[in-house]
N, C-alpha and C. Protein backbone atom coordinates (compact mmCIF):
# COMPACT_ATOMS: atom_id res chain seq x y z
N MET A 1 -48.26 25.34 17.68
CA MET A 1 -48.97 24.70 16.59
C MET A 1 -48.02 23.82 15.81
N PHE A 2 -48.57 22.77 15.26
CA PHE A 2 -47.82 21.90 14.36
C PHE A 2 -48.31 22.14 12.94
N ILE A 3 -47.38 22.08 11.99
CA ILE A 3 -47.75 22.12 10.59
C ILE A 3 -47.00 21.00 9.88
N ASN A 4 -47.74 20.23 9.11
CA ASN A 4 -47.16 19.10 8.38
C ASN A 4 -47.58 19.24 6.92
N ILE A 5 -46.59 19.26 6.03
CA ILE A 5 -46.86 19.36 4.60
C ILE A 5 -46.57 18.01 3.97
N ILE A 6 -47.61 17.39 3.47
CA ILE A 6 -47.49 16.07 2.86
C ILE A 6 -47.46 16.28 1.35
N LYS A 7 -46.33 15.95 0.75
CA LYS A 7 -46.13 16.17 -0.68
C LYS A 7 -46.76 15.04 -1.47
N SER A 8 -47.56 15.42 -2.45
CA SER A 8 -48.13 14.47 -3.40
C SER A 8 -48.45 15.28 -4.65
N CYS A 9 -49.29 14.79 -5.52
CA CYS A 9 -49.63 15.59 -6.70
C CYS A 9 -50.26 16.92 -6.28
N ARG A 10 -50.90 16.94 -5.15
CA ARG A 10 -51.43 18.16 -4.53
C ARG A 10 -50.97 18.14 -3.08
N ASP A 11 -50.26 19.20 -2.67
CA ASP A 11 -49.80 19.24 -1.28
C ASP A 11 -50.97 19.21 -0.32
N VAL A 12 -50.83 18.42 0.73
CA VAL A 12 -51.81 18.38 1.81
C VAL A 12 -51.15 19.07 3.01
N VAL A 13 -51.78 20.14 3.49
CA VAL A 13 -51.23 20.92 4.58
C VAL A 13 -52.09 20.68 5.82
N ALA A 14 -51.49 20.09 6.84
CA ALA A 14 -52.20 19.82 8.09
C ALA A 14 -51.66 20.76 9.17
N VAL A 15 -52.57 21.51 9.78
CA VAL A 15 -52.20 22.45 10.85
C VAL A 15 -53.07 22.12 12.06
N CYS A 16 -52.43 22.02 13.22
CA CYS A 16 -53.16 21.58 14.41
C CYS A 16 -52.58 22.22 15.67
N ASP A 17 -53.46 22.54 16.60
CA ASP A 17 -53.01 22.99 17.91
C ASP A 17 -52.28 21.84 18.60
N LYS A 18 -51.17 22.14 19.19
CA LYS A 18 -50.30 21.13 19.79
C LYS A 18 -51.04 20.21 20.78
N GLU A 19 -51.90 20.78 21.60
CA GLU A 19 -52.56 20.00 22.66
C GLU A 19 -53.64 19.05 22.14
N LEU A 20 -53.97 19.12 20.86
CA LEU A 20 -55.00 18.25 20.30
C LEU A 20 -54.46 16.96 19.69
N ILE A 21 -53.15 16.88 19.52
CA ILE A 21 -52.54 15.70 18.90
C ILE A 21 -52.94 14.43 19.66
N GLY A 22 -53.39 13.43 18.91
CA GLY A 22 -53.73 12.14 19.50
C GLY A 22 -55.15 12.04 20.04
N LYS A 23 -55.92 13.11 19.96
CA LYS A 23 -57.28 13.09 20.49
C LYS A 23 -58.30 12.78 19.40
N VAL A 24 -59.45 12.29 19.81
CA VAL A 24 -60.55 11.98 18.90
C VAL A 24 -61.79 12.70 19.42
N PHE A 25 -62.48 13.38 18.50
CA PHE A 25 -63.71 14.10 18.84
C PHE A 25 -64.85 13.51 18.03
N GLU A 26 -65.97 13.24 18.70
CA GLU A 26 -67.13 12.65 18.03
C GLU A 26 -68.38 13.43 18.38
N GLU A 27 -69.24 13.55 17.38
CA GLU A 27 -70.51 14.22 17.57
C GLU A 27 -71.47 13.67 16.52
N ASP A 28 -72.61 13.21 16.95
CA ASP A 28 -73.57 12.57 16.05
C ASP A 28 -72.87 11.45 15.28
N ARG A 29 -72.84 11.54 13.97
CA ARG A 29 -72.20 10.49 13.16
C ARG A 29 -70.89 10.98 12.55
N PHE A 30 -70.30 12.00 13.14
CA PHE A 30 -69.08 12.60 12.62
C PHE A 30 -67.94 12.40 13.61
N GLN A 31 -66.75 12.09 13.10
CA GLN A 31 -65.58 11.89 13.95
C GLN A 31 -64.40 12.67 13.39
N LEU A 32 -63.67 13.32 14.28
CA LEU A 32 -62.45 14.04 13.93
C LEU A 32 -61.32 13.41 14.74
N ASP A 33 -60.43 12.71 14.04
CA ASP A 33 -59.33 11.97 14.67
C ASP A 33 -58.03 12.71 14.37
N ILE A 34 -57.42 13.27 15.40
CA ILE A 34 -56.21 14.08 15.23
C ILE A 34 -54.99 13.15 15.35
N LYS A 35 -54.74 12.42 14.29
CA LYS A 35 -53.67 11.42 14.30
C LYS A 35 -52.29 12.09 14.26
N GLU A 36 -51.42 11.61 15.11
CA GLU A 36 -50.08 12.15 15.20
C GLU A 36 -49.32 12.04 13.88
N ASN A 37 -49.46 10.89 13.19
CA ASN A 37 -48.70 10.69 11.96
C ASN A 37 -49.17 11.59 10.81
N PHE A 38 -50.35 12.20 10.94
CA PHE A 38 -50.83 13.12 9.91
C PHE A 38 -50.60 14.58 10.30
N TYR A 39 -50.93 14.93 11.53
CA TYR A 39 -50.89 16.33 11.95
C TYR A 39 -49.58 16.79 12.58
N LYS A 40 -48.82 15.86 13.17
CA LYS A 40 -47.62 16.30 13.90
C LYS A 40 -46.45 16.44 12.93
N GLY A 41 -46.20 17.69 12.58
CA GLY A 41 -45.06 18.01 11.73
C GLY A 41 -44.12 18.89 12.51
N GLU A 42 -43.77 20.00 11.91
CA GLU A 42 -42.85 20.93 12.57
C GLU A 42 -43.64 21.87 13.48
N GLU A 43 -43.14 22.09 14.69
CA GLU A 43 -43.78 23.04 15.60
C GLU A 43 -43.32 24.44 15.22
N MET A 44 -44.30 25.35 15.09
CA MET A 44 -44.00 26.72 14.67
C MET A 44 -44.81 27.73 15.48
N SER A 45 -44.30 28.95 15.49
CA SER A 45 -45.03 30.06 16.12
C SER A 45 -46.19 30.47 15.21
N GLU A 46 -47.12 31.20 15.76
CA GLU A 46 -48.26 31.67 14.97
C GLU A 46 -47.78 32.50 13.77
N GLU A 47 -46.83 33.35 13.99
CA GLU A 47 -46.32 34.22 12.91
C GLU A 47 -45.77 33.39 11.74
N LYS A 48 -44.98 32.36 12.06
CA LYS A 48 -44.42 31.50 11.01
C LYS A 48 -45.50 30.69 10.29
N VAL A 49 -46.49 30.21 11.06
CA VAL A 49 -47.59 29.46 10.45
C VAL A 49 -48.35 30.37 9.49
N ILE A 50 -48.64 31.59 9.90
CA ILE A 50 -49.35 32.54 9.03
C ILE A 50 -48.57 32.78 7.74
N ASP A 51 -47.28 33.05 7.86
CA ASP A 51 -46.45 33.29 6.67
C ASP A 51 -46.45 32.08 5.75
N LEU A 52 -46.30 30.90 6.30
CA LEU A 52 -46.27 29.68 5.49
C LEU A 52 -47.62 29.42 4.84
N LEU A 53 -48.71 29.63 5.57
CA LEU A 53 -50.04 29.44 5.00
C LEU A 53 -50.30 30.42 3.85
N LYS A 54 -49.86 31.66 4.01
CA LYS A 54 -50.01 32.64 2.93
C LYS A 54 -49.30 32.15 1.67
N PHE A 55 -48.07 31.65 1.84
CA PHE A 55 -47.32 31.15 0.70
C PHE A 55 -48.01 29.92 0.08
N LEU A 56 -48.38 28.98 0.92
CA LEU A 56 -48.99 27.74 0.42
C LEU A 56 -50.35 27.96 -0.23
N SER A 57 -51.03 29.05 0.13
CA SER A 57 -52.34 29.33 -0.47
C SER A 57 -52.21 29.72 -1.93
N THR A 58 -51.00 30.05 -2.37
CA THR A 58 -50.78 30.37 -3.78
C THR A 58 -50.45 29.11 -4.59
N GLU A 59 -50.28 28.01 -3.90
CA GLU A 59 -49.96 26.73 -4.53
C GLU A 59 -51.24 25.90 -4.66
N ASP A 60 -51.15 24.78 -5.32
CA ASP A 60 -52.26 23.85 -5.46
C ASP A 60 -52.25 22.95 -4.22
N ALA A 61 -53.05 23.32 -3.20
CA ALA A 61 -52.96 22.62 -1.92
C ALA A 61 -54.35 22.38 -1.31
N THR A 62 -54.37 21.42 -0.42
CA THR A 62 -55.53 21.12 0.41
C THR A 62 -55.13 21.43 1.85
N PHE A 63 -56.03 22.04 2.61
CA PHE A 63 -55.72 22.42 3.99
C PHE A 63 -56.64 21.71 4.96
N ASN A 64 -56.05 21.12 6.00
CA ASN A 64 -56.77 20.50 7.11
C ASN A 64 -56.32 21.25 8.37
N ILE A 65 -57.21 22.02 8.94
CA ILE A 65 -56.84 22.91 10.04
C ILE A 65 -57.73 22.60 11.23
N VAL A 66 -57.10 22.34 12.40
CA VAL A 66 -57.87 21.95 13.59
C VAL A 66 -57.36 22.70 14.81
N GLY A 67 -58.31 23.26 15.57
CA GLY A 67 -57.98 23.92 16.83
C GLY A 67 -58.14 25.42 16.76
N LYS A 68 -58.40 26.03 17.90
CA LYS A 68 -58.66 27.48 17.96
C LYS A 68 -57.49 28.30 17.46
N LYS A 69 -56.28 27.99 17.90
CA LYS A 69 -55.10 28.76 17.49
C LYS A 69 -54.83 28.58 16.00
N SER A 70 -54.92 27.35 15.53
CA SER A 70 -54.65 27.05 14.13
C SER A 70 -55.68 27.69 13.20
N VAL A 71 -56.94 27.60 13.56
CA VAL A 71 -58.00 28.22 12.76
C VAL A 71 -57.82 29.73 12.75
N ASN A 72 -57.48 30.31 13.89
CA ASN A 72 -57.24 31.75 13.97
C ASN A 72 -56.08 32.16 13.06
N ALA A 73 -55.02 31.37 13.04
CA ALA A 73 -53.87 31.67 12.17
C ALA A 73 -54.29 31.59 10.70
N ALA A 74 -55.09 30.60 10.35
CA ALA A 74 -55.55 30.45 8.97
C ALA A 74 -56.46 31.61 8.56
N LEU A 75 -57.27 32.08 9.49
CA LEU A 75 -58.11 33.25 9.22
C LEU A 75 -57.24 34.48 8.97
N LYS A 76 -56.23 34.68 9.81
CA LYS A 76 -55.32 35.81 9.65
C LYS A 76 -54.55 35.73 8.33
N ALA A 77 -54.22 34.51 7.90
CA ALA A 77 -53.48 34.31 6.65
C ALA A 77 -54.38 34.47 5.43
N GLY A 78 -55.70 34.46 5.64
CA GLY A 78 -56.62 34.60 4.53
C GLY A 78 -56.87 33.31 3.77
N VAL A 79 -56.47 32.18 4.36
CA VAL A 79 -56.67 30.87 3.72
C VAL A 79 -58.12 30.42 3.85
N ILE A 80 -58.75 30.80 4.96
CA ILE A 80 -60.15 30.46 5.20
C ILE A 80 -60.92 31.71 5.62
N THR A 81 -62.24 31.59 5.61
CA THR A 81 -63.12 32.63 6.14
C THR A 81 -63.94 31.99 7.26
N GLU A 82 -64.64 32.81 8.01
CA GLU A 82 -65.49 32.30 9.09
C GLU A 82 -66.50 31.27 8.58
N GLU A 83 -66.96 31.43 7.34
CA GLU A 83 -67.94 30.51 6.76
C GLU A 83 -67.36 29.11 6.55
N ASN A 84 -66.03 29.00 6.47
CA ASN A 84 -65.38 27.70 6.26
C ASN A 84 -65.20 26.91 7.55
N VAL A 85 -65.44 27.54 8.70
CA VAL A 85 -65.14 26.94 9.99
C VAL A 85 -66.35 26.19 10.53
N ASN A 86 -66.13 24.94 10.90
CA ASN A 86 -67.13 24.11 11.56
C ASN A 86 -66.63 23.78 12.96
N GLU A 87 -67.47 23.16 13.77
CA GLU A 87 -67.05 22.75 15.12
C GLU A 87 -67.55 21.36 15.43
N ILE A 88 -66.74 20.66 16.20
CA ILE A 88 -67.16 19.39 16.77
C ILE A 88 -66.68 19.40 18.22
N GLN A 89 -67.57 19.21 19.14
CA GLN A 89 -67.29 19.27 20.59
C GLN A 89 -66.51 20.55 20.93
N ASN A 90 -66.95 21.67 20.38
CA ASN A 90 -66.35 22.99 20.60
C ASN A 90 -64.93 23.12 20.07
N ILE A 91 -64.51 22.22 19.21
CA ILE A 91 -63.20 22.31 18.57
C ILE A 91 -63.42 22.79 17.13
N PRO A 92 -62.92 23.99 16.79
CA PRO A 92 -63.10 24.47 15.43
C PRO A 92 -62.16 23.75 14.45
N PHE A 93 -62.66 23.57 13.23
CA PHE A 93 -61.82 22.95 12.18
C PHE A 93 -62.29 23.46 10.82
N ALA A 94 -61.40 23.36 9.86
CA ALA A 94 -61.73 23.72 8.48
C ALA A 94 -60.98 22.80 7.54
N LEU A 95 -61.67 22.36 6.51
CA LEU A 95 -61.08 21.53 5.45
C LEU A 95 -61.28 22.28 4.15
N ILE A 96 -60.18 22.66 3.51
CA ILE A 96 -60.26 23.53 2.34
C ILE A 96 -59.45 22.94 1.18
N LEU A 97 -60.04 22.99 0.00
CA LEU A 97 -59.37 22.59 -1.22
C LEU A 97 -59.27 23.84 -2.09
N LEU A 98 -58.05 24.29 -2.35
CA LEU A 98 -57.86 25.49 -3.19
C LEU A 98 -57.61 25.10 -4.63
């Protein structure tokens, strides 16, 4: 998984399954574009992603999470719940503002 933390007045945390980088998913009038310059940050193990997400959830952050592994890690970290997860072309994703 990749995790990219974009620092601004509110941190934007992008987490993505490695194999999804550079792909575009479309369904009806909705598009999910997994841009490398946004999602490709540091590659980490699931354990490290979970620990970092737990920490970042205590901060003022926005989370963009895409892919089965990444969504699963966010669920384990308690950043999202099943109700927060949507799908496009069988790719789960969650967009959360804490």
